[in-house]
Amino acid sequence: MMSGPRARKSSPADSCAFVIFGVTGDLAHRLLIPALYNLAASGLLPKVFALVGVARGEMSGDALRTDLRKSLAQFATRPVDEKIADRLLAHVSFVPGAADDP
Protein backbone atom coordinates (compact mmCIF):
# COMPACT_ATOMS: atom_id res chain seq x y z
CA MET A 1 0.00 0.00 0.00
CA MET A 2 1.33 3.42 -0.93
CA SER A 3 1.50 6.32 1.44
CA GLY A 4 2.61 9.92 1.17
CA PRO A 5 2.00 12.34 -1.70
CA ARG A 6 1.55 9.62 -4.35
CA ALA A 7 -1.15 7.74 -2.41
CA ARG A 8 -4.69 8.20 -3.70
CA LYS A 9 -7.98 7.32 -2.14
CA SER A 10 -10.26 5.73 -4.71
CA SER A 11 -13.81 6.91 -4.99
CA PRO A 12 -16.87 5.26 -6.54
CA ALA A 13 -17.28 5.41 -10.28
CA ASP A 14 -19.89 7.66 -11.87
CA SER A 15 -23.34 6.23 -12.53
CA CYS A 16 -23.09 3.61 -15.26
CA ALA A 17 -24.46 0.47 -16.84
CA PHE A 18 -22.57 -2.79 -17.27
CA VAL A 19 -23.67 -5.11 -20.06
CA ILE A 20 -22.40 -8.66 -19.86
CA PHE A 21 -22.90 -10.62 -23.08
CA GLY A 22 -22.95 -14.32 -22.29
CA VAL A 23 -23.96 -13.71 -18.67
CA THR A 24 -24.86 -17.37 -18.18
CA GLY A 25 -21.38 -18.50 -19.21
CA ASP A 26 -18.33 -19.54 -17.26
CA LEU A 27 -16.42 -16.24 -17.62
CA ALA A 28 -19.25 -14.24 -16.07
CA HIS A 29 -19.70 -16.67 -13.19
CA ARG A 30 -16.04 -17.30 -12.35
CA LEU A 31 -14.54 -13.86 -12.97
CA LEU A 32 -16.87 -10.99 -13.81
CA ILE A 33 -19.45 -11.30 -11.03
CA PRO A 34 -16.82 -11.90 -8.32
CA ALA A 35 -14.87 -8.88 -9.65
CA LEU A 36 -17.99 -6.70 -9.52
CA TYR A 37 -18.66 -7.99 -6.01
CA ASN A 38 -15.12 -6.97 -5.00
CA LEU A 39 -15.75 -3.48 -6.37
CA ALA A 40 -19.02 -3.30 -4.42
CA ALA A 41 -17.35 -4.55 -1.23
CA SER A 42 -14.62 -1.93 -1.65
CA GLY A 43 -17.17 0.85 -2.06
CA LEU A 44 -16.15 1.49 -5.66
CA LEU A 45 -19.45 0.82 -7.41
CA PRO A 46 -21.71 3.84 -7.76
CA LYS A 47 -25.02 3.94 -5.91
CA VAL A 48 -26.79 4.22 -9.27
CA PHE A 49 -25.82 1.54 -11.76
CA ALA A 50 -27.37 -1.22 -13.82
CA LEU A 51 -26.03 -4.64 -14.63
CA VAL A 52 -27.69 -6.02 -17.76
CA GLY A 53 -27.08 -9.66 -18.54
CA VAL A 54 -27.55 -10.82 -22.14
CA ALA A 55 -27.67 -14.47 -23.20
CA ARG A 56 -29.46 -16.78 -25.62
CA GLY A 57 -32.70 -18.28 -24.43
CA GLU A 58 -35.29 -17.14 -21.95
CA MET A 59 -34.63 -16.54 -18.29
CA SER A 60 -36.29 -14.39 -15.69
CA GLY A 61 -34.35 -11.73 -13.84
CA ASP A 62 -35.03 -13.63 -10.61
CA ALA A 63 -33.60 -16.85 -12.08
CA LEU A 64 -30.47 -15.01 -13.23
CA ARG A 65 -29.98 -13.37 -9.82
CA THR A 66 -30.35 -16.76 -8.10
CA ASP A 67 -27.83 -18.31 -10.50
CA LEU A 68 -25.33 -15.46 -9.98
CA ARG A 69 -25.70 -15.65 -6.20
CA LYS A 70 -24.79 -19.37 -6.30
CA SER A 71 -21.72 -18.72 -8.42
CA LEU A 72 -20.71 -15.80 -6.19
CA ALA A 73 -20.79 -18.12 -3.18
CA GLN A 74 -18.63 -20.59 -5.10
CA PHE A 75 -16.11 -18.29 -6.82
CA ALA A 76 -15.79 -15.15 -4.67
CA THR A 77 -12.25 -14.35 -3.62
CA ARG A 78 -13.36 -13.02 -0.22
CA PRO A 79 -16.11 -13.90 2.25
CA VAL A 80 -19.48 -12.86 0.83
CA ASP A 81 -21.39 -10.28 2.85
CA GLU A 82 -25.05 -10.96 2.04
CA LYS A 83 -26.01 -7.26 2.29
CA ILE A 84 -23.39 -6.34 -0.31
CA ALA A 85 -24.42 -9.27 -2.53
CA ASP A 86 -28.08 -8.23 -2.20
CA ARG A 87 -27.26 -4.66 -3.24
CA LEU A 88 -25.20 -5.81 -6.22
CA LEU A 89 -27.74 -8.37 -7.43
CA ALA A 90 -30.67 -5.95 -6.99
CA HIS A 91 -29.26 -4.07 -9.99
CA VAL A 92 -29.25 -7.14 -12.28
CA SER A 93 -31.69 -7.58 -15.14
CA PHE A 94 -31.81 -10.03 -18.05
CA VAL A 95 -32.30 -9.46 -21.78
CA PRO A 96 -32.47 -12.43 -24.17
CA GLY A 97 -30.33 -12.02 -27.27
CA ALA A 98 -27.89 -13.68 -29.61
CA ALA A 99 -25.02 -12.39 -31.71
CA ASP A 100 -27.01 -12.94 -34.92
CA ASP A 101 -30.13 -11.22 -33.54
CA PRO A 102 -30.31 -7.58 -34.66
PDB file of N, CA and C in Angstrom:
ATOM      1  N   MET A   1       0.841  -1.169   0.000  1.00  0.00           N
ATOM      2  CA  MET A   1       0.000   0.000   0.000  1.00  0.00           C
ATOM      3  C   MET A   1       0.882   1.226   0.000  1.00  0.00           C
ATOM      4  N   MET A   2       0.547   2.190  -0.835  1.00  0.00           N
ATOM      5  CA  MET A   2       1.328   3.416  -0.933  1.00  0.00           C
ATOM      6  C   MET A   2       0.896   4.403   0.139  1.00  0.00           C
ATOM      7  N   SER A   3       1.835   5.237   0.539  1.00  0.00           N
ATOM      8  CA  SER A   3       1.501   6.324   1.438  1.00  0.00           C
ATOM      9  C   SER A   3       2.253   7.550   0.972  1.00  0.00           C
ATOM     10  N   GLY A   4       1.934   8.694   1.549  1.00  0.00           N
ATOM     11  CA  GLY A   4       2.610   9.919   1.170  1.00  0.00           C
ATOM     12  C   GLY A   4       1.912  10.619   0.024  1.00  0.00           C
ATOM     13  N   PRO A   5       2.626  11.506  -0.679  1.00  0.00           N
ATOM     14  CA  PRO A   5       2.000  12.342  -1.697  1.00  0.00           C
ATOM     15  C   PRO A   5       1.476  11.568  -2.902  1.00  0.00           C
ATOM     16  N   ARG A   6       2.007  10.379  -3.178  1.00  0.00           N
ATOM     17  CA  ARG A   6       1.548   9.620  -4.350  1.00  0.00           C
ATOM     18  C   ARG A   6       0.335   8.761  -4.042  1.00  0.00           C
ATOM     19  N   ALA A   7      -0.002   8.569  -2.777  1.00  0.00           N
ATOM     20  CA  ALA A   7      -1.152   7.741  -2.405  1.00  0.00           C
ATOM     21  C   ALA A   7      -2.437   8.446  -2.804  1.00  0.00           C
ATOM     22  N   ARG A   8      -3.396   7.674  -3.296  1.00  0.00           N
ATOM     23  CA  ARG A   8      -4.691   8.202  -3.701  1.00  0.00           C
ATOM     24  C   ARG A   8      -5.789   7.382  -3.079  1.00  0.00           C
ATOM     25  N   LYS A   9      -6.803   8.038  -2.623  1.00  0.00           N
ATOM     26  CA  LYS A   9      -7.979   7.321  -2.143  1.00  0.00           C
ATOM     27  C   LYS A   9      -8.930   7.176  -3.325  1.00  0.00           C
ATOM     28  N   SER A  10      -9.342   5.972  -3.598  1.00  0.00           N
ATOM     29  CA  SER A  10     -10.261   5.733  -4.710  1.00  0.00           C
ATOM     30  C   SER A  10     -11.665   6.103  -4.294  1.00  0.00           C
ATOM     31  N   SER A  11     -12.421   6.576  -5.252  1.00  0.00           N
ATOM     32  CA  SER A  11     -13.811   6.913  -4.988  1.00  0.00           C
ATOM     33  C   SER A  11     -14.688   6.139  -5.966  1.00  0.00           C
ATOM     34  N   PRO A  12     -15.977   6.017  -5.648  1.00  0.00           N
ATOM     35  CA  PRO A  12     -16.867   5.256  -6.537  1.00  0.00           C
ATOM     36  C   PRO A  12     -16.902   5.841  -7.946  1.00  0.00           C
ATOM     37  N   ALA A  13     -17.134   4.977  -8.886  1.00  0.00           N
ATOM     38  CA  ALA A  13     -17.281   5.407 -10.279  1.00  0.00           C
ATOM     39  C   ALA A  13     -18.562   6.226 -10.434  1.00  0.00           C
ATOM     40  N   ASP A  14     -18.662   6.947 -11.544  1.00  0.00           N
ATOM     41  CA  ASP A  14     -19.893   7.656 -11.867  1.00  0.00           C
ATOM     42  C   ASP A  14     -20.982   6.645 -12.203  1.00  0.00           C
ATOM     43  N   SER A  15     -22.216   7.090 -12.163  1.00  0.00           N
ATOM     44  CA  SER A  15     -23.344   6.225 -12.534  1.00  0.00           C
ATOM     45  C   SER A  15     -23.069   5.587 -13.891  1.00  0.00           C
ATOM     46  N   CYS A  16     -23.412   4.314 -14.028  1.00  0.00           N
ATOM     47  CA  CYS A  16     -23.085   3.615 -15.257  1.00  0.00           C
ATOM     48  C   CYS A  16     -23.952   2.368 -15.417  1.00  0.00           C
ATOM     49  N   ALA A  17     -23.812   1.750 -16.571  1.00  0.00           N
ATOM     50  CA  ALA A  17     -24.462   0.472 -16.840  1.00  0.00           C
ATOM     51  C   ALA A  17     -23.404  -0.502 -17.342  1.00  0.00           C
ATOM     52  N   PHE A  18     -23.420  -1.709 -16.803  1.00  0.00           N
ATOM     53  CA  PHE A  18     -22.566  -2.789 -17.265  1.00  0.00           C
ATOM     54  C   PHE A  18     -23.440  -3.713 -18.095  1.00  0.00           C
ATOM     55  N   VAL A  19     -22.961  -4.114 -19.249  1.00  0.00           N
ATOM     56  CA  VAL A  19     -23.666  -5.105 -20.055  1.00  0.00           C
ATOM     57  C   VAL A  19     -22.728  -6.297 -20.200  1.00  0.00           C
ATOM     58  N   ILE A  20     -23.206  -7.442 -19.756  1.00  0.00           N
ATOM     59  CA  ILE A  20     -22.399  -8.656 -19.863  1.00  0.00           C
ATOM     60  C   ILE A  20     -23.059  -9.572 -20.888  1.00  0.00           C
ATOM     61  N   PHE A  21     -22.417  -9.697 -22.048  1.00  0.00           N
ATOM     62  CA  PHE A  21     -22.896 -10.617 -23.075  1.00  0.00           C
ATOM     63  C   PHE A  21     -22.409 -12.009 -22.702  1.00  0.00           C
ATOM     64  N   GLY A  22     -23.302 -12.969 -22.712  1.00  0.00           N
ATOM     65  CA  GLY A  22     -22.953 -14.320 -22.286  1.00  0.00           C
ATOM     66  C   GLY A  22     -22.965 -14.441 -20.768  1.00  0.00           C
ATOM     67  N   VAL A  23     -23.907 -13.757 -20.139  1.00  0.00           N
ATOM     68  CA  VAL A  23     -23.955 -13.707 -18.671  1.00  0.00           C
ATOM     69  C   VAL A  23     -24.153 -15.071 -18.021  1.00  0.00           C
ATOM     70  N   THR A  24     -24.666 -16.040 -18.750  1.00  0.00           N
ATOM     71  CA  THR A  24     -24.863 -17.373 -18.177  1.00  0.00           C
ATOM     72  C   THR A  24     -23.631 -18.252 -18.329  1.00  0.00           C
ATOM     73  N   GLY A  25     -22.586 -17.720 -18.946  1.00  0.00           N
ATOM     74  CA  GLY A  25     -21.383 -18.504 -19.205  1.00  0.00           C
ATOM     75  C   GLY A  25     -20.377 -18.507 -18.069  1.00  0.00           C
ATOM     76  N   ASP A  26     -19.365 -19.300 -18.257  1.00  0.00           N
ATOM     77  CA  ASP A  26     -18.329 -19.537 -17.264  1.00  0.00           C
ATOM     78  C   ASP A  26     -17.551 -18.270 -16.898  1.00  0.00           C
ATOM     79  N   LEU A  27     -17.192 -17.456 -17.876  1.00  0.00           N
ATOM     80  CA  LEU A  27     -16.420 -16.245 -17.621  1.00  0.00           C
ATOM     81  C   LEU A  27     -17.168 -15.302 -16.674  1.00  0.00           C
ATOM     82  N   ALA A  28     -18.446 -15.118 -16.932  1.00  0.00           N
ATOM     83  CA  ALA A  28     -19.248 -14.239 -16.068  1.00  0.00           C
ATOM     84  C   ALA A  28     -19.311 -14.781 -14.647  1.00  0.00           C
ATOM     85  N   HIS A  29     -19.533 -16.070 -14.515  1.00  0.00           N
ATOM     86  CA  HIS A  29     -19.697 -16.669 -13.189  1.00  0.00           C
ATOM     87  C   HIS A  29     -18.394 -16.746 -12.395  1.00  0.00           C
ATOM     88  N   ARG A  30     -17.312 -17.104 -13.052  1.00  0.00           N
ATOM     89  CA  ARG A  30     -16.041 -17.300 -12.347  1.00  0.00           C
ATOM     90  C   ARG A  30     -15.268 -16.002 -12.119  1.00  0.00           C
ATOM     91  N   LEU A  31     -15.392 -15.048 -13.046  1.00  0.00           N
ATOM     92  CA  LEU A  31     -14.542 -13.865 -12.972  1.00  0.00           C
ATOM     93  C   LEU A  31     -15.297 -12.541 -12.866  1.00  0.00           C
ATOM     94  N   LEU A  32     -16.251 -12.310 -13.753  1.00  0.00           N
ATOM     95  CA  LEU A  32     -16.874 -10.985 -13.812  1.00  0.00           C
ATOM     96  C   LEU A  32     -17.727 -10.657 -12.589  1.00  0.00           C
ATOM     97  N   ILE A  33     -18.592 -11.571 -12.187  1.00  0.00           N
ATOM     98  CA  ILE A  33     -19.454 -11.301 -11.029  1.00  0.00           C
ATOM     99  C   ILE A  33     -18.627 -11.201  -9.746  1.00  0.00           C
ATOM    100  N   PRO A  34     -17.667 -12.101  -9.498  1.00  0.00           N
ATOM    101  CA  PRO A  34     -16.820 -11.903  -8.316  1.00  0.00           C
ATOM    102  C   PRO A  34     -16.041 -10.579  -8.358  1.00  0.00           C
ATOM    103  N   ALA A  35     -15.583 -10.163  -9.542  1.00  0.00           N
ATOM    104  CA  ALA A  35     -14.867  -8.885  -9.645  1.00  0.00           C
ATOM    105  C   ALA A  35     -15.801  -7.712  -9.332  1.00  0.00           C
ATOM    106  N   LEU A  36     -17.024  -7.756  -9.832  1.00  0.00           N
ATOM    107  CA  LEU A  36     -17.988  -6.703  -9.518  1.00  0.00           C
ATOM    108  C   LEU A  36     -18.342  -6.719  -8.036  1.00  0.00           C
ATOM    109  N   TYR A  37     -18.418  -7.905  -7.454  1.00  0.00           N
ATOM    110  CA  TYR A  37     -18.659  -7.990  -6.013  1.00  0.00           C
ATOM    111  C   TYR A  37     -17.506  -7.327  -5.249  1.00  0.00           C
ATOM    112  N   ASN A  38     -16.273  -7.585  -5.662  1.00  0.00           N
ATOM    113  CA  ASN A  38     -15.120  -6.972  -4.999  1.00  0.00           C
ATOM    114  C   ASN A  38     -15.182  -5.450  -5.092  1.00  0.00           C
ATOM    115  N   LEU A  39     -15.591  -4.928  -6.242  1.00  0.00           N
ATOM    116  CA  LEU A  39     -15.751  -3.475  -6.370  1.00  0.00           C
ATOM    117  C   LEU A  39     -16.822  -2.964  -5.407  1.00  0.00           C
ATOM    118  N   ALA A  40     -17.931  -3.691  -5.333  1.00  0.00           N
ATOM    119  CA  ALA A  40     -19.016  -3.296  -4.416  1.00  0.00           C
ATOM    120  C   ALA A  40     -18.535  -3.345  -2.969  1.00  0.00           C
ATOM    121  N   ALA A  41     -17.830  -4.395  -2.602  1.00  0.00           N
ATOM    122  CA  ALA A  41     -17.350  -4.553  -1.228  1.00  0.00           C
ATOM    123  C   ALA A  41     -16.315  -3.487  -0.870  1.00  0.00           C
ATOM    124  N   SER A  42     -15.619  -2.972  -1.872  1.00  0.00           N
ATOM    125  CA  SER A  42     -14.616  -1.930  -1.645  1.00  0.00           C
ATOM    126  C   SER A  42     -15.211  -0.529  -1.725  1.00  0.00           C
ATOM    127  N   GLY A  43     -16.517  -0.454  -1.968  1.00  0.00           N
ATOM    128  CA  GLY A  43     -17.169   0.849  -2.060  1.00  0.00           C
ATOM    129  C   GLY A  43     -16.886   1.587  -3.357  1.00  0.00           C
ATOM    130  N   LEU A  44     -16.519   0.858  -4.399  1.00  0.00           N
ATOM    131  CA  LEU A  44     -16.148   1.492  -5.659  1.00  0.00           C
ATOM    132  C   LEU A  44     -17.234   1.461  -6.726  1.00  0.00           C
ATOM    133  N   LEU A  45     -18.324   0.763  -6.478  1.00  0.00           N
ATOM    134  CA  LEU A  45     -19.453   0.816  -7.411  1.00  0.00           C
ATOM    135  C   LEU A  45     -20.300   2.025  -7.056  1.00  0.00           C
ATOM    136  N   PRO A  46     -20.845   2.704  -8.059  1.00  0.00           N
ATOM    137  CA  PRO A  46     -21.708   3.843  -7.761  1.00  0.00           C
ATOM    138  C   PRO A  46     -23.027   3.376  -7.150  1.00  0.00           C
ATOM    139  N   LYS A  47     -23.708   4.286  -6.475  1.00  0.00           N
ATOM    140  CA  LYS A  47     -25.017   3.941  -5.912  1.00  0.00           C
ATOM    141  C   LYS A  47     -26.032   3.682  -7.018  1.00  0.00           C
ATOM    142  N   VAL A  48     -25.878   4.370  -8.140  1.00  0.00           N
ATOM    143  CA  VAL A  48     -26.792   4.215  -9.270  1.00  0.00           C
ATOM    144  C   VAL A  48     -26.045   3.526 -10.406  1.00  0.00           C
ATOM    145  N   PHE A  49     -26.398   2.276 -10.641  1.00  0.00           N
ATOM    146  CA  PHE A  49     -25.822   1.535 -11.757  1.00  0.00           C
ATOM    147  C   PHE A  49     -26.786   0.428 -12.149  1.00  0.00           C
ATOM    148  N   ALA A  50     -26.578  -0.095 -13.339  1.00  0.00           N
ATOM    149  CA  ALA A  50     -27.374  -1.219 -13.823  1.00  0.00           C
ATOM    150  C   ALA A  50     -26.419  -2.285 -14.331  1.00  0.00           C
ATOM    151  N   LEU A  51     -26.783  -3.523 -14.103  1.00  0.00           N
ATOM    152  CA  LEU A  51     -26.027  -4.645 -14.627  1.00  0.00           C
ATOM    153  C   LEU A  51     -27.007  -5.427 -15.499  1.00  0.00           C
ATOM    154  N   VAL A  52     -26.798  -5.366 -16.800  1.00  0.00           N
ATOM    155  CA  VAL A  52     -27.694  -6.020 -17.759  1.00  0.00           C
ATOM    156  C   VAL A  52     -27.001  -7.266 -18.293  1.00  0.00           C
ATOM    157  N   GLY A  53     -27.605  -8.407 -18.051  1.00  0.00           N
ATOM    158  CA  GLY A  53     -27.076  -9.663 -18.545  1.00  0.00           C
ATOM    159  C   GLY A  53     -27.774 -10.055 -19.834  1.00  0.00           C
ATOM    160  N   VAL A  54     -27.006 -10.413 -20.842  1.00  0.00           N
ATOM    161  CA  VAL A  54     -27.546 -10.820 -22.142  1.00  0.00           C
ATOM    162  C   VAL A  54     -27.081 -12.244 -22.416  1.00  0.00           C
ATOM    163  N   ALA A  55     -28.010 -13.093 -22.838  1.00  0.00           N
ATOM    164  CA  ALA A  55     -27.674 -14.472 -23.198  1.00  0.00           C
ATOM    165  C   ALA A  55     -28.775 -15.024 -24.095  1.00  0.00           C
ATOM    166  N   ARG A  56     -28.448 -16.104 -24.796  1.00  0.00           N
ATOM    167  CA  ARG A  56     -29.456 -16.779 -25.618  1.00  0.00           C
ATOM    168  C   ARG A  56     -30.471 -17.452 -24.717  1.00  0.00           C
ATOM    169  N   GLY A  57     -31.667 -17.590 -25.193  1.00  0.00           N
ATOM    170  CA  GLY A  57     -32.700 -18.281 -24.432  1.00  0.00           C
ATOM    171  C   GLY A  57     -33.458 -17.339 -23.516  1.00  0.00           C
ATOM    172  N   GLU A  58     -34.441 -17.906 -22.863  1.00  0.00           N
ATOM    173  CA  GLU A  58     -35.295 -17.143 -21.953  1.00  0.00           C
ATOM    174  C   GLU A  58     -34.905 -17.432 -20.518  1.00  0.00           C
ATOM    175  N   MET A  59     -34.932 -16.407 -19.704  1.00  0.00           N
ATOM    176  CA  MET A  59     -34.626 -16.544 -18.291  1.00  0.00           C
ATOM    177  C   MET A  59     -35.225 -15.332 -17.591  1.00  0.00           C
ATOM    178  N   SER A  60     -35.775 -15.532 -16.439  1.00  0.00           N
ATOM    179  CA  SER A  60     -36.294 -14.387 -15.694  1.00  0.00           C
ATOM    180  C   SER A  60     -35.136 -13.699 -14.974  1.00  0.00           C
ATOM    181  N   GLY A  61     -35.342 -12.446 -14.621  1.00  0.00           N
ATOM    182  CA  GLY A  61     -34.345 -11.728 -13.837  1.00  0.00           C
ATOM    183  C   GLY A  61     -34.102 -12.410 -12.509  1.00  0.00           C
ATOM    184  N   ASP A  62     -35.174 -12.924 -11.891  1.00  0.00           N
ATOM    185  CA  ASP A  62     -35.025 -13.629 -10.612  1.00  0.00           C
ATOM    186  C   ASP A  62     -34.167 -14.885 -10.764  1.00  0.00           C
ATOM    187  N   ALA A  63     -34.381 -15.625 -11.841  1.00  0.00           N
ATOM    188  CA  ALA A  63     -33.596 -16.849 -12.076  1.00  0.00           C
ATOM    189  C   ALA A  63     -32.122 -16.503 -12.282  1.00  0.00           C
ATOM    190  N   LEU A  64     -31.856 -15.424 -13.016  1.00  0.00           N
ATOM    191  CA  LEU A  64     -30.469 -15.010 -13.226  1.00  0.00           C
ATOM    192  C   LEU A  64     -29.830 -14.584 -11.905  1.00  0.00           C
ATOM    193  N   ARG A  65     -30.524 -13.803 -11.108  1.00  0.00           N
ATOM    194  CA  ARG A  65     -29.979 -13.368  -9.818  1.00  0.00           C
ATOM    195  C   ARG A  65     -29.682 -14.561  -8.907  1.00  0.00           C
ATOM    196  N   THR A  66     -30.568 -15.552  -8.904  1.00  0.00           N
ATOM    197  CA  THR A  66     -30.346 -16.762  -8.104  1.00  0.00           C
ATOM    198  C   THR A  66     -29.104 -17.500  -8.593  1.00  0.00           C
ATOM    199  N   ASP A  67     -28.970 -17.630  -9.900  1.00  0.00           N
ATOM    200  CA  ASP A  67     -27.826 -18.309 -10.500  1.00  0.00           C
ATOM    201  C   ASP A  67     -26.523 -17.574 -10.171  1.00  0.00           C
ATOM    202  N   LEU A  68     -26.535 -16.244 -10.270  1.00  0.00           N
ATOM    203  CA  LEU A  68     -25.333 -15.458  -9.984  1.00  0.00           C
ATOM    204  C   LEU A  68     -24.969 -15.515  -8.507  1.00  0.00           C
ATOM    205  N   ARG A  69     -25.970 -15.555  -7.638  1.00  0.00           N
ATOM    206  CA  ARG A  69     -25.704 -15.648  -6.197  1.00  0.00           C
ATOM    207  C   ARG A  69     -24.992 -16.973  -5.876  1.00  0.00           C
ATOM    208  N   LYS A  70     -25.440 -18.062  -6.514  1.00  0.00           N
ATOM    209  CA  LYS A  70     -24.792 -19.367  -6.304  1.00  0.00           C
ATOM    210  C   LYS A  70     -23.341 -19.337  -6.767  1.00  0.00           C
ATOM    211  N   SER A  71     -23.095 -18.755  -7.924  1.00  0.00           N
ATOM    212  CA  SER A  71     -21.716 -18.718  -8.416  1.00  0.00           C
ATOM    213  C   SER A  71     -20.862 -17.764  -7.592  1.00  0.00           C
ATOM    214  N   LEU A  72     -21.454 -16.706  -7.064  1.00  0.00           N
ATOM    215  CA  LEU A  72     -20.706 -15.799  -6.193  1.00  0.00           C
ATOM    216  C   LEU A  72     -20.258 -16.538  -4.936  1.00  0.00           C
ATOM    217  N   ALA A  73     -21.144 -17.332  -4.367  1.00  0.00           N
ATOM    218  CA  ALA A  73     -20.791 -18.121  -3.180  1.00  0.00           C
ATOM    219  C   ALA A  73     -19.660 -19.099  -3.493  1.00  0.00           C
ATOM    220  N   GLN A  74     -19.639 -19.606  -4.717  1.00  0.00           N
ATOM    221  CA  GLN A  74     -18.630 -20.592  -5.101  1.00  0.00           C
ATOM    222  C   GLN A  74     -17.295 -19.962  -5.509  1.00  0.00           C
ATOM    223  N   PHE A  75     -17.328 -18.816  -6.206  1.00  0.00           N
ATOM    224  CA  PHE A  75     -16.114 -18.288  -6.823  1.00  0.00           C
ATOM    225  C   PHE A  75     -15.595 -16.978  -6.236  1.00  0.00           C
ATOM    226  N   ALA A  76     -16.263 -16.413  -5.256  1.00  0.00           N
ATOM    227  CA  ALA A  76     -15.794 -15.150  -4.666  1.00  0.00           C
ATOM    228  C   ALA A  76     -14.412 -15.332  -4.063  1.00  0.00           C
ATOM    229  N   THR A  77     -13.614 -14.293  -4.146  1.00  0.00           N
ATOM    230  CA  THR A  77     -12.250 -14.354  -3.622  1.00  0.00           C
ATOM    231  C   THR A  77     -12.155 -13.824  -2.195  1.00  0.00           C
ATOM    232  N   ARG A  78     -13.291 -13.477  -1.609  1.00  0.00           N
ATOM    233  CA  ARG A  78     -13.355 -13.021  -0.216  1.00  0.00           C
ATOM    234  C   ARG A  78     -14.674 -13.505   0.354  1.00  0.00           C
ATOM    235  N   PRO A  79     -14.817 -13.503   1.672  1.00  0.00           N
ATOM    236  CA  PRO A  79     -16.110 -13.899   2.245  1.00  0.00           C
ATOM    237  C   PRO A  79     -17.231 -12.997   1.717  1.00  0.00           C
ATOM    238  N   VAL A  80     -18.366 -13.600   1.413  1.00  0.00           N
ATOM    239  CA  VAL A  80     -19.484 -12.855   0.833  1.00  0.00           C
ATOM    240  C   VAL A  80     -20.353 -12.286   1.950  1.00  0.00           C
ATOM    241  N   ASP A  81     -20.476 -10.974   1.948  1.00  0.00           N
ATOM    242  CA  ASP A  81     -21.388 -10.279   2.849  1.00  0.00           C
ATOM    243  C   ASP A  81     -22.740 -10.230   2.132  1.00  0.00           C
ATOM    244  N   GLU A  82     -23.752 -10.840   2.715  1.00  0.00           N
ATOM    245  CA  GLU A  82     -25.051 -10.958   2.044  1.00  0.00           C
ATOM    246  C   GLU A  82     -25.673  -9.597   1.727  1.00  0.00           C
ATOM    247  N   LYS A  83     -25.460  -8.601   2.559  1.00  0.00           N
ATOM    248  CA  LYS A  83     -26.006  -7.264   2.291  1.00  0.00           C
ATOM    249  C   LYS A  83     -25.377  -6.666   1.035  1.00  0.00           C
ATOM    250  N   ILE A  84     -24.080  -6.851   0.888  1.00  0.00           N
ATOM    251  CA  ILE A  84     -23.388  -6.341  -0.307  1.00  0.00           C
ATOM    252  C   ILE A  84     -23.841  -7.122  -1.534  1.00  0.00           C
ATOM    253  N   ALA A  85     -23.948  -8.439  -1.407  1.00  0.00           N
ATOM    254  CA  ALA A  85     -24.420  -9.265  -2.529  1.00  0.00           C
ATOM    255  C   ALA A  85     -25.845  -8.880  -2.911  1.00  0.00           C
ATOM    256  N   ASP A  86     -26.697  -8.647  -1.918  1.00  0.00           N
ATOM    257  CA  ASP A  86     -28.078  -8.229  -2.201  1.00  0.00           C
ATOM    258  C   ASP A  86     -28.107  -6.929  -2.981  1.00  0.00           C
ATOM    259  N   ARG A  87     -27.281  -5.960  -2.554  1.00  0.00           N
ATOM    260  CA  ARG A  87     -27.260  -4.661  -3.235  1.00  0.00           C
ATOM    261  C   ARG A  87     -26.772  -4.810  -4.669  1.00  0.00           C
ATOM    262  N   LEU A  88     -25.716  -5.590  -4.875  1.00  0.00           N
ATOM    263  CA  LEU A  88     -25.199  -5.813  -6.219  1.00  0.00           C
ATOM    264  C   LEU A  88     -26.241  -6.495  -7.098  1.00  0.00           C
ATOM    265  N   LEU A  89     -26.816  -7.576  -6.613  1.00  0.00           N
ATOM    266  CA  LEU A  89     -27.745  -8.366  -7.426  1.00  0.00           C
ATOM    267  C   LEU A  89     -29.080  -7.669  -7.642  1.00  0.00           C
ATOM    268  N   ALA A  90     -29.427  -6.713  -6.795  1.00  0.00           N
ATOM    269  CA  ALA A  90     -30.667  -5.951  -6.989  1.00  0.00           C
ATOM    270  C   ALA A  90     -30.623  -5.123  -8.272  1.00  0.00           C
ATOM    271  N   HIS A  91     -29.422  -4.881  -8.786  1.00  0.00           N
ATOM    272  CA  HIS A  91     -29.261  -4.067  -9.993  1.00  0.00           C
ATOM    273  C   HIS A  91     -29.194  -4.902 -11.263  1.00  0.00           C
ATOM    274  N   VAL A  92     -29.374  -6.216 -11.145  1.00  0.00           N
ATOM    275  CA  VAL A  92     -29.246  -7.137 -12.281  1.00  0.00           C
ATOM    276  C   VAL A  92     -30.580  -7.310 -12.994  1.00  0.00           C
ATOM    277  N   SER A  93     -30.531  -7.240 -14.321  1.00  0.00           N
ATOM    278  CA  SER A  93     -31.694  -7.582 -15.143  1.00  0.00           C
ATOM    279  C   SER A  93     -31.208  -8.443 -16.308  1.00  0.00           C
ATOM    280  N   PHE A  94     -32.149  -9.104 -16.979  1.00  0.00           N
ATOM    281  CA  PHE A  94     -31.809 -10.031 -18.053  1.00  0.00           C
ATOM    282  C   PHE A  94     -32.494  -9.621 -19.344  1.00  0.00           C
ATOM    283  N   VAL A  95     -31.749  -9.718 -20.450  1.00  0.00           N
ATOM    284  CA  VAL A  95     -32.297  -9.460 -21.782  1.00  0.00           C
ATOM    285  C   VAL A  95     -31.884 -10.639 -22.666  1.00  0.00           C
ATOM    286  N   PRO A  96     -32.855 -11.339 -23.260  1.00  0.00           N
ATOM    287  CA  PRO A  96     -32.469 -12.430 -24.171  1.00  0.00           C
ATOM    288  C   PRO A  96     -31.927 -11.851 -25.469  1.00  0.00           C
ATOM    289  N   GLY A  97     -30.895 -12.487 -26.009  1.00  0.00           N
ATOM    290  CA  GLY A  97     -30.332 -12.022 -27.274  1.00  0.00           C
ATOM    291  C   GLY A  97     -29.221 -12.930 -27.730  1.00  0.00           C
ATOM    292  N   ALA A  98     -28.955 -12.888 -29.014  1.00  0.00           N
ATOM    293  CA  ALA A  98     -27.889 -13.679 -29.615  1.00  0.00           C
ATOM    294  C   ALA A  98     -27.103 -12.785 -30.556  1.00  0.00           C
ATOM    295  N   ALA A  99     -25.887 -13.185 -30.852  1.00  0.00           N
ATOM    296  CA  ALA A  99     -25.015 -12.392 -31.705  1.00  0.00           C
ATOM    297  C   ALA A  99     -25.621 -12.157 -33.091  1.00  0.00           C
ATOM    298  N   ASP A 100     -26.416 -13.088 -33.585  1.00  0.00           N
ATOM    299  CA  ASP A 100     -27.009 -12.942 -34.916  1.00  0.00           C
ATOM    300  C   ASP A 100     -28.408 -12.340 -34.869  1.00  0.00           C
ATOM    301  N   ASP A 101     -28.808 -11.824 -33.720  1.00  0.00           N
ATOM    302  CA  ASP A 101     -30.133 -11.216 -33.541  1.00  0.00           C
ATOM    303  C   ASP A 101     -30.008  -9.703 -33.518  1.00  0.00           C
ATOM    304  N   PRO A 102     -30.465  -9.048 -34.610  1.00  0.00           N
ATOM    305  CA  PRO A 102     -30.310  -7.580 -34.662  1.00  0.00           C
ATOM    306  C   PRO A 102     -31.118  -6.902 -33.580  1.00  0.00           C
TER     307      PRO A 102
END
